[in-house]
Amino acid sequence: MDAILGCIMKYRPNDIKPWINSLNKSGFNGKRIIVVYDIPEETVKYLNDEGFEIYQTEQEYHLFLQRFR
């Protein structure tokens, strides 16, 4: 099974629209999974409408600082 995994923090639909549009135009038809931190309800709805499986979680550290420890 093909899947794409993303992670976003504090994004609104217009912030991720280019990525979603690119994914849709590519013809990708696998599973869409995204981990989200602190996003507005409008973004959750947009991702649901675009077929994403959403995992919301609380952030303990800044995403980039944790990544480069």
Protein backbone atom coordinates (compact mmCIF):
# COMPACT_ATOMS: atom_id res chain seq x y z
CA MET A 1 0.00 0.00 0.00
CA ASP A 2 1.24 3.49 -0.84
CA ALA A 3 0.99 6.25 1.75
CA ILE A 4 2.07 9.82 2.23
CA LEU A 5 2.79 11.20 5.69
CA GLY A 6 2.91 14.87 6.64
CA CYS A 7 3.23 16.91 9.78
CA ILE A 8 2.01 20.49 10.26
CA MET A 9 1.73 23.03 13.04
CA LYS A 10 -0.49 26.16 13.15
CA TYR A 11 -1.35 26.02 9.44
CA ARG A 12 -4.54 27.26 7.85
CA PRO A 13 -6.02 25.78 4.66
CA ASN A 14 -4.40 28.41 2.42
CA ASP A 15 -0.99 27.47 3.85
CA ILE A 16 -1.30 23.84 2.76
CA LYS A 17 -3.43 24.28 -0.36
CA PRO A 18 -0.42 24.23 -2.75
CA TRP A 19 0.77 20.94 -1.26
CA ILE A 20 -2.72 19.40 -1.41
CA ASN A 21 -3.25 20.60 -4.99
CA SER A 22 0.10 19.15 -6.03
CA LEU A 23 -0.77 15.84 -4.40
CA ASN A 24 -4.15 15.76 -6.15
CA LYS A 25 -2.64 16.63 -9.56
CA SER A 26 0.02 13.93 -9.19
CA GLY A 27 -2.62 11.22 -9.31
CA PHE A 28 -1.58 9.80 -5.94
CA ASN A 29 -4.36 7.53 -4.68
CA GLY A 30 -2.76 5.94 -1.62
CA LYS A 31 -3.41 6.59 2.03
CA ARG A 32 -3.06 10.20 3.23
CA ILE A 33 -1.90 10.58 6.82
CA ILE A 34 -1.07 13.78 8.68
CA VAL A 35 0.06 14.58 12.22
CA VAL A 36 -1.10 18.01 13.38
CA TYR A 37 -0.24 20.33 16.22
CA ASP A 38 -2.34 23.33 17.18
CA ILE A 39 -4.33 23.83 13.98
CA PRO A 40 -7.68 25.59 13.62
CA GLU A 41 -10.89 23.66 13.07
CA GLU A 42 -11.14 24.98 9.50
CA THR A 43 -7.88 23.17 8.69
CA VAL A 44 -9.15 19.95 10.25
CA LYS A 45 -12.28 20.18 8.08
CA TYR A 46 -10.23 20.92 4.95
CA LEU A 47 -7.95 17.93 5.56
CA ASN A 48 -10.95 15.67 6.21
CA ASP A 49 -12.57 16.86 3.00
CA GLU A 50 -9.33 16.02 1.17
CA GLY A 51 -9.34 12.46 2.53
CA PHE A 52 -6.63 12.70 5.18
CA GLU A 53 -6.41 10.50 8.25
CA ILE A 54 -5.63 13.07 10.96
CA TYR A 55 -3.72 12.51 14.19
CA GLN A 56 -3.85 15.46 16.58
CA THR A 57 -1.39 15.63 19.42
CA GLU A 58 0.02 18.08 21.93
CA GLN A 59 3.45 19.52 21.32
CA GLU A 60 6.01 19.19 24.11
CA TYR A 61 8.89 20.87 22.27
CA HIS A 62 9.20 23.03 19.20
CA LEU A 63 9.03 20.68 16.22
CA PHE A 64 12.31 21.76 14.63
CA LEU A 65 14.29 21.93 17.86
CA GLN A 66 13.22 18.41 18.76
CA ARG A 67 14.11 17.16 15.28
CA PHE A 68 17.71 18.41 15.41
CA ARG A 69 18.60 17.38 18.98
